[in-house]
Amino acid sequence: MENWDDLRIFLAVARAQRMAGAARALGVDVTTVGRRLARLEQRLGTAIFETIAGERRLTETGQALLLHSETIEAAVLAATEVDPTSAALAGQVRLSIAEGLATHVVAPALPAFRRDQPNLRIDLITASGFLNPSRREADMAVMLARPRNRQLRATKLTDYRLRLYATPGFLADHARVASAADLHGHALISYVPEHVHAPELNYLSEIHDGLVARARSTSITVQHAMIRAGAGIGVLPDFIAARDAALVPVLGDSVHLTRTFWLVTHQDTHATPRIQAVGDWLRGLAETLA
């Protein structure tokens, strides 16, 4: 495998599972991707992908090649990065992160980080469900559960608190909430159950048995907007709602939840300067949530 560029294209297709997606990520055309894959398969003498339901899935040979390619990729990344004390860090970091944390904590702090590291490109991926670092879908991830995978390194980023919130106007117009049991008589806002990607997001069942939301969304940003508009009572992280003057806690501190954010990186790239720089930045931001 003397041509690293062919392996780079192979890795992009393996991760995107579509040639068009890989081409966009690499900034080349689909024809180039197809030609490079054909050349790679000809060199190997066997297929490395099969097409299932429109997606490119790895064959057994492709799985074996993936392991070797990722090892080479890690070596290339390590060899091309600069001293972590240098102001000239360069490259891309794809960070899979919760939408609420990205919107209310990370995005506002990004301009200052960009001033310090102008040559680092940060991709914030907030799609429903975290991208999987073990499959190289992300360079780093902030996750709600600690992964059990030896290919990954997970460190506790911070604990954070969630409470019930509503607008003063909503509370004034509806029956008094004196206990968690009283919530059964109110419009509640939460996630869409069948689209919850982590059990840690099942808040209502922890607060009181049998609570059912009347308005639901897969987005914490939309839930925040609905609660802020007076549509009901919902669970929000303090780092979102406590900073919003339009909202007040319901039941104060007597009903609250605690969750943990975990910072997850690859074992073979966690020590590279670009990953360390972003990790240090995230740890600094996490101190404001504790």
Protein backbone atom coordinates (compact mmCIF):
# COMPACT_ATOMS: atom_id res chain seq x y z
CA MET A 1 0.00 0.00 0.00
CA GLU A 2 2.48 2.59 -1.19
CA ASN A 3 -0.24 5.16 -1.96
CA TRP A 4 -1.55 6.70 1.28
CA ASP A 5 -3.99 8.84 -0.66
CA ASP A 6 -5.88 5.74 -1.84
CA LEU A 7 -6.15 4.58 1.77
CA ARG A 8 -7.34 8.03 2.83
CA ILE A 9 -10.17 7.79 0.29
CA PHE A 10 -10.95 4.25 1.42
CA LEU A 11 -11.26 5.48 5.03
CA ALA A 12 -13.58 8.31 4.00
CA VAL A 13 -15.93 5.89 2.19
CA ALA A 14 -15.81 3.42 5.09
CA ARG A 15 -16.92 6.18 7.46
CA ALA A 16 -19.47 7.92 5.25
CA GLN A 17 -20.74 4.60 3.84
CA ARG A 18 -21.48 6.44 0.59
CA MET A 19 -19.13 7.61 -2.14
CA ALA A 20 -20.93 10.95 -2.49
CA GLY A 21 -20.53 11.70 1.23
CA ALA A 22 -16.86 10.73 1.12
CA ALA A 23 -16.31 12.92 -1.93
CA ARG A 24 -17.85 15.93 -0.17
CA ALA A 25 -15.73 15.35 2.94
CA LEU A 26 -12.56 15.11 0.87
CA GLY A 27 -13.36 17.94 -1.53
CA VAL A 28 -13.06 15.75 -4.65
CA ASP A 29 -15.58 14.44 -7.18
CA VAL A 30 -17.34 11.08 -6.97
CA THR A 31 -15.59 9.86 -10.11
CA THR A 32 -12.22 10.29 -8.44
CA VAL A 33 -13.41 8.35 -5.39
CA GLY A 34 -14.72 5.52 -7.54
CA ARG A 35 -11.54 5.34 -9.58
CA ARG A 36 -9.31 5.20 -6.51
CA LEU A 37 -11.42 2.47 -4.91
CA ALA A 38 -11.33 0.43 -8.13
CA ARG A 39 -7.54 0.77 -8.23
CA LEU A 40 -7.29 -0.32 -4.60
CA GLU A 41 -9.51 -3.37 -5.17
CA GLN A 42 -7.54 -4.30 -8.28
CA ARG A 43 -4.32 -4.15 -6.29
CA LEU A 44 -5.81 -6.34 -3.56
CA GLY A 45 -7.45 -8.70 -6.01
CA THR A 46 -10.78 -8.69 -4.16
CA ALA A 47 -13.73 -6.46 -3.26
CA ILE A 48 -13.45 -4.26 -0.17
CA PHE A 49 -17.04 -2.96 -0.24
CA GLU A 50 -20.45 -4.38 -1.02
CA THR A 51 -23.54 -2.26 -1.64
CA ILE A 52 -26.48 -2.86 0.72
CA ALA A 53 -29.57 -0.62 0.59
CA GLY A 54 -27.54 2.07 -1.15
CA GLU A 55 -24.74 2.03 1.42
CA ARG A 56 -21.16 0.85 1.01
CA ARG A 57 -20.52 -1.83 3.61
CA LEU A 58 -17.10 -3.33 4.28
CA THR A 59 -16.40 -6.88 3.21
CA GLU A 60 -14.22 -9.13 5.37
CA THR A 61 -11.19 -7.94 3.41
CA GLY A 62 -12.36 -4.35 3.87
CA GLN A 63 -12.63 -4.82 7.64
CA ALA A 64 -9.05 -6.08 7.76
CA LEU A 65 -7.88 -3.19 5.60
CA LEU A 66 -9.69 -0.72 7.86
CA LEU A 67 -7.61 -1.74 10.88
CA HIS A 68 -4.34 -1.33 8.99
CA SER A 69 -5.45 1.95 7.40
CA GLU A 70 -6.40 3.47 10.75
CA THR A 71 -2.97 2.55 12.13
CA ILE A 72 -1.33 4.28 9.17
CA GLU A 73 -3.64 7.27 9.54
CA ALA A 74 -2.70 7.66 13.21
CA ALA A 75 0.99 7.52 12.31
CA VAL A 76 0.54 10.15 9.58
CA LEU A 77 -1.36 12.44 11.95
CA ALA A 78 1.26 12.06 14.66
CA ALA A 79 4.09 12.71 12.21
CA THR A 80 2.55 15.86 10.73
CA GLU A 81 1.49 17.65 13.89
CA VAL A 82 3.58 20.31 15.53
CA ASP A 83 4.74 21.01 19.07
CA PRO A 84 1.72 21.57 21.36
CA THR A 85 3.34 24.75 22.74
CA SER A 86 3.40 26.25 19.26
CA ALA A 87 0.80 28.80 18.24
CA ALA A 88 0.77 27.23 14.77
CA LEU A 89 -1.36 24.17 15.48
CA ALA A 90 -3.17 23.18 12.32
CA GLY A 91 -5.64 20.57 11.15
CA GLN A 92 -9.23 19.54 11.72
CA VAL A 93 -11.00 18.20 14.80
CA ARG A 94 -14.47 16.69 14.41
CA LEU A 95 -16.25 16.89 17.76
CA SER A 96 -19.50 15.02 18.40
CA ILE A 97 -21.31 16.88 21.15
CA ALA A 98 -24.71 17.38 22.73
CA GLU A 99 -26.72 20.13 21.07
CA GLY A 100 -27.43 22.02 24.29
CA LEU A 101 -23.79 22.03 25.36
CA ALA A 102 -22.66 23.05 21.89
CA THR A 103 -25.22 25.87 21.61
CA HIS A 104 -25.01 27.40 25.07
CA VAL A 105 -21.41 26.74 26.15
CA VAL A 106 -19.10 25.78 23.31
CA ALA A 107 -20.31 28.04 20.48
CA PRO A 108 -20.13 31.28 22.53
CA ALA A 109 -16.55 30.41 23.53
CA LEU A 110 -15.44 29.51 20.01
CA PRO A 111 -14.32 33.00 18.89
CA ALA A 112 -11.75 33.22 21.69
CA PHE A 113 -10.46 29.72 20.89
CA ARG A 114 -10.20 30.63 17.19
CA ARG A 115 -8.13 33.69 18.07
CA ASP A 116 -5.70 31.46 19.98
CA GLN A 117 -5.65 28.69 17.36
CA PRO A 118 -6.57 30.24 13.98
CA ASN A 119 -5.35 27.25 11.97
CA LEU A 120 -7.43 24.62 13.77
CA ARG A 121 -10.72 23.77 12.06
CA ILE A 122 -13.48 22.65 14.44
CA ASP A 123 -16.50 20.65 13.24
CA LEU A 124 -19.29 20.54 15.84
CA ILE A 125 -21.56 17.57 15.08
CA THR A 126 -24.86 17.78 16.98
CA ALA A 127 -26.93 15.23 15.08
CA SER A 128 -29.34 13.10 17.11
CA GLY A 129 -27.14 10.45 18.67
CA PHE A 130 -23.42 10.89 19.17
CA LEU A 131 -21.06 9.90 16.40
CA ASN A 132 -19.00 6.88 17.32
CA PRO A 133 -15.29 7.60 17.88
CA SER A 134 -14.47 3.88 17.69
CA ARG A 135 -15.67 3.90 14.05
CA ARG A 136 -13.73 7.09 13.30
CA GLU A 137 -16.93 9.03 12.72
CA ALA A 138 -15.51 11.64 15.09
CA ASP A 139 -12.09 12.61 16.45
CA MET A 140 -13.59 13.35 19.85
CA ALA A 141 -16.97 13.07 21.52
CA VAL A 142 -18.66 14.43 24.62
CA MET A 143 -20.91 11.57 25.72
CA LEU A 144 -23.48 10.97 28.46
CA ALA A 145 -22.26 7.45 29.22
CA ARG A 146 -18.72 6.17 29.56
CA PRO A 147 -18.00 3.82 26.63
CA ARG A 148 -16.55 0.38 27.31
CA ASN A 149 -14.19 0.06 24.39
CA ARG A 150 -10.45 -0.47 24.65
CA GLN A 151 -9.88 1.56 21.50
CA LEU A 152 -11.23 4.63 23.27
CA ARG A 153 -10.00 6.73 26.15
CA ALA A 154 -12.74 8.28 28.30
CA THR A 155 -12.22 10.85 31.03
CA LYS A 156 -14.85 12.55 33.15
CA LEU A 157 -15.43 16.06 31.87
CA THR A 158 -17.94 17.28 34.48
CA ASP A 159 -21.19 16.60 36.30
CA TYR A 160 -24.08 18.92 35.59
CA ARG A 161 -27.49 19.48 37.15
CA LEU A 162 -30.95 19.51 35.58
CA ARG A 163 -34.15 20.86 37.10
CA LEU A 164 -37.77 21.45 36.15
CA TYR A 165 -38.36 24.88 34.60
CA ALA A 166 -41.31 26.97 33.43
CA THR A 167 -42.21 30.61 32.91
CA PRO A 168 -43.70 32.59 35.81
CA GLY A 169 -46.74 33.25 33.60
CA PHE A 170 -47.37 29.54 33.04
CA LEU A 171 -47.15 28.80 36.76
CA ALA A 172 -49.48 31.70 37.60
CA ASP A 173 -52.13 30.46 35.14
CA HIS A 174 -52.13 26.82 36.23
CA ALA A 175 -52.62 24.79 39.39
CA ARG A 176 -49.92 25.03 41.99
CA VAL A 177 -47.11 22.47 41.80
CA ALA A 178 -46.28 21.50 45.39
CA SER A 179 -44.76 18.10 44.69
CA ALA A 180 -43.63 15.89 41.82
CA ALA A 181 -47.01 14.12 41.92
CA ASP A 182 -48.73 17.40 41.01
CA LEU A 183 -46.99 17.35 37.63
CA HIS A 184 -49.55 14.82 36.39
CA GLY A 185 -52.03 17.65 36.00
CA HIS A 186 -49.76 19.84 33.89
CA ALA A 187 -48.52 20.05 30.30
CA LEU A 188 -45.05 18.55 30.29
CA ILE A 189 -42.35 18.92 27.65
CA SER A 190 -39.69 16.30 26.93
CA TYR A 191 -37.97 14.14 24.31
CA VAL A 192 -39.68 11.89 21.75
CA PRO A 193 -39.23 8.47 23.42
CA GLU A 194 -38.54 6.44 20.28
CA HIS A 195 -35.84 8.90 19.25
CA VAL A 196 -34.00 9.05 22.58
CA HIS A 197 -30.44 7.96 21.79
CA ALA A 198 -29.33 7.52 25.41
CA PRO A 199 -31.22 6.26 28.49
CA GLU A 200 -29.74 9.17 30.43
CA LEU A 201 -32.24 11.42 28.59
CA ASN A 202 -35.29 9.67 30.07
CA TYR A 203 -35.84 12.37 32.66
CA LEU A 204 -39.55 12.21 33.48
CA SER A 205 -39.52 8.58 34.64
CA GLU A 206 -36.93 9.52 37.27
CA ILE A 207 -38.95 12.43 38.59
CA HIS A 208 -42.22 10.54 39.13
CA ASP A 209 -43.81 7.35 37.84
CA GLY A 210 -46.19 7.65 34.94
CA LEU A 211 -45.38 11.18 33.81
CA VAL A 212 -46.12 11.70 30.11
CA ALA A 213 -45.12 14.68 28.01
CA ARG A 214 -47.79 16.41 25.94
CA ALA A 215 -45.31 18.29 23.73
CA ARG A 216 -42.13 16.57 22.62
CA SER A 217 -39.06 17.22 20.49
CA THR A 218 -35.81 15.49 19.62
CA SER A 219 -34.05 18.83 20.14
CA ILE A 220 -33.22 20.30 23.54
CA THR A 221 -33.10 23.71 21.85
CA VAL A 222 -36.70 23.30 20.68
CA GLN A 223 -37.76 22.08 24.14
CA HIS A 224 -36.15 25.16 25.66
CA ALA A 225 -38.02 27.37 23.19
CA MET A 226 -41.36 25.67 23.97
CA ILE A 227 -40.87 26.05 27.72
CA ARG A 228 -39.80 29.67 27.26
CA ALA A 229 -42.94 30.32 25.19
CA GLY A 230 -45.12 29.12 28.08
CA ALA A 231 -46.13 25.78 26.54
CA GLY A 232 -45.45 23.79 29.70
CA ILE A 233 -42.98 22.52 32.27
CA GLY A 234 -39.84 20.69 31.23
CA VAL A 235 -36.47 19.44 32.39
CA LEU A 236 -33.51 21.56 31.32
CA PRO A 237 -29.83 21.66 32.28
CA ASP A 238 -28.99 24.53 34.60
CA PHE A 239 -26.32 25.69 32.15
CA ILE A 240 -29.18 26.52 29.76
CA ALA A 241 -32.14 27.51 31.94
CA ALA A 242 -30.49 29.13 34.97
CA ARG A 243 -29.01 31.72 32.61
CA ASP A 244 -32.41 32.49 31.08
CA ALA A 245 -34.21 35.28 32.96
CA ALA A 246 -37.52 34.23 31.39
CA LEU A 247 -37.54 30.91 33.30
CA VAL A 248 -37.82 29.91 36.93
CA PRO A 249 -37.19 26.54 38.63
CA VAL A 250 -40.25 24.47 39.50
CA LEU A 251 -40.02 22.80 42.94
CA GLY A 252 -36.68 24.54 43.48
CA ASP A 253 -33.84 22.19 44.37
CA SER A 254 -36.12 19.53 45.82
CA VAL A 255 -36.40 17.85 42.42
CA HIS A 256 -33.22 17.72 40.42
CA LEU A 257 -31.16 15.29 38.37
CA THR A 258 -27.43 14.91 37.90
CA ARG A 259 -25.76 13.75 34.71
CA THR A 260 -22.14 13.41 33.63
CA PHE A 261 -20.37 14.44 30.45
CA TRP A 262 -17.49 12.18 29.37
CA LEU A 263 -14.74 13.33 27.02
CA VAL A 264 -13.93 10.48 24.65
CA THR A 265 -10.95 10.23 22.29
CA HIS A 266 -9.12 7.52 20.37
CA GLN A 267 -6.32 5.72 22.19
CA ASP A 268 -3.94 6.22 19.27
CA THR A 269 -4.57 9.95 18.72
CA HIS A 270 -5.52 11.33 22.14
CA ALA A 271 -1.99 12.66 22.73
CA THR A 272 -1.70 14.51 19.41
CA PRO A 273 -1.41 18.29 19.83
CA ARG A 274 -4.65 19.21 18.05
CA ILE A 275 -6.68 16.77 20.18
CA GLN A 276 -4.94 17.91 23.35
CA ALA A 277 -5.60 21.56 22.50
CA VAL A 278 -9.33 21.00 22.00
CA GLY A 279 -9.51 18.74 25.07
CA ASP A 280 -7.86 21.36 27.27
CA TRP A 281 -10.26 23.99 25.95
CA LEU A 282 -13.30 21.80 26.68
CA ARG A 283 -12.05 21.03 30.20
CA GLY A 284 -11.74 24.76 30.85
CA LEU A 285 -15.31 25.33 29.66
CA ALA A 286 -16.57 22.41 31.77
CA GLU A 287 -15.37 24.16 34.93
CA THR A 288 -18.17 26.70 34.42
CA LEU A 289 -20.80 23.93 34.58
CA ALA A 290 -19.79 22.31 37.86
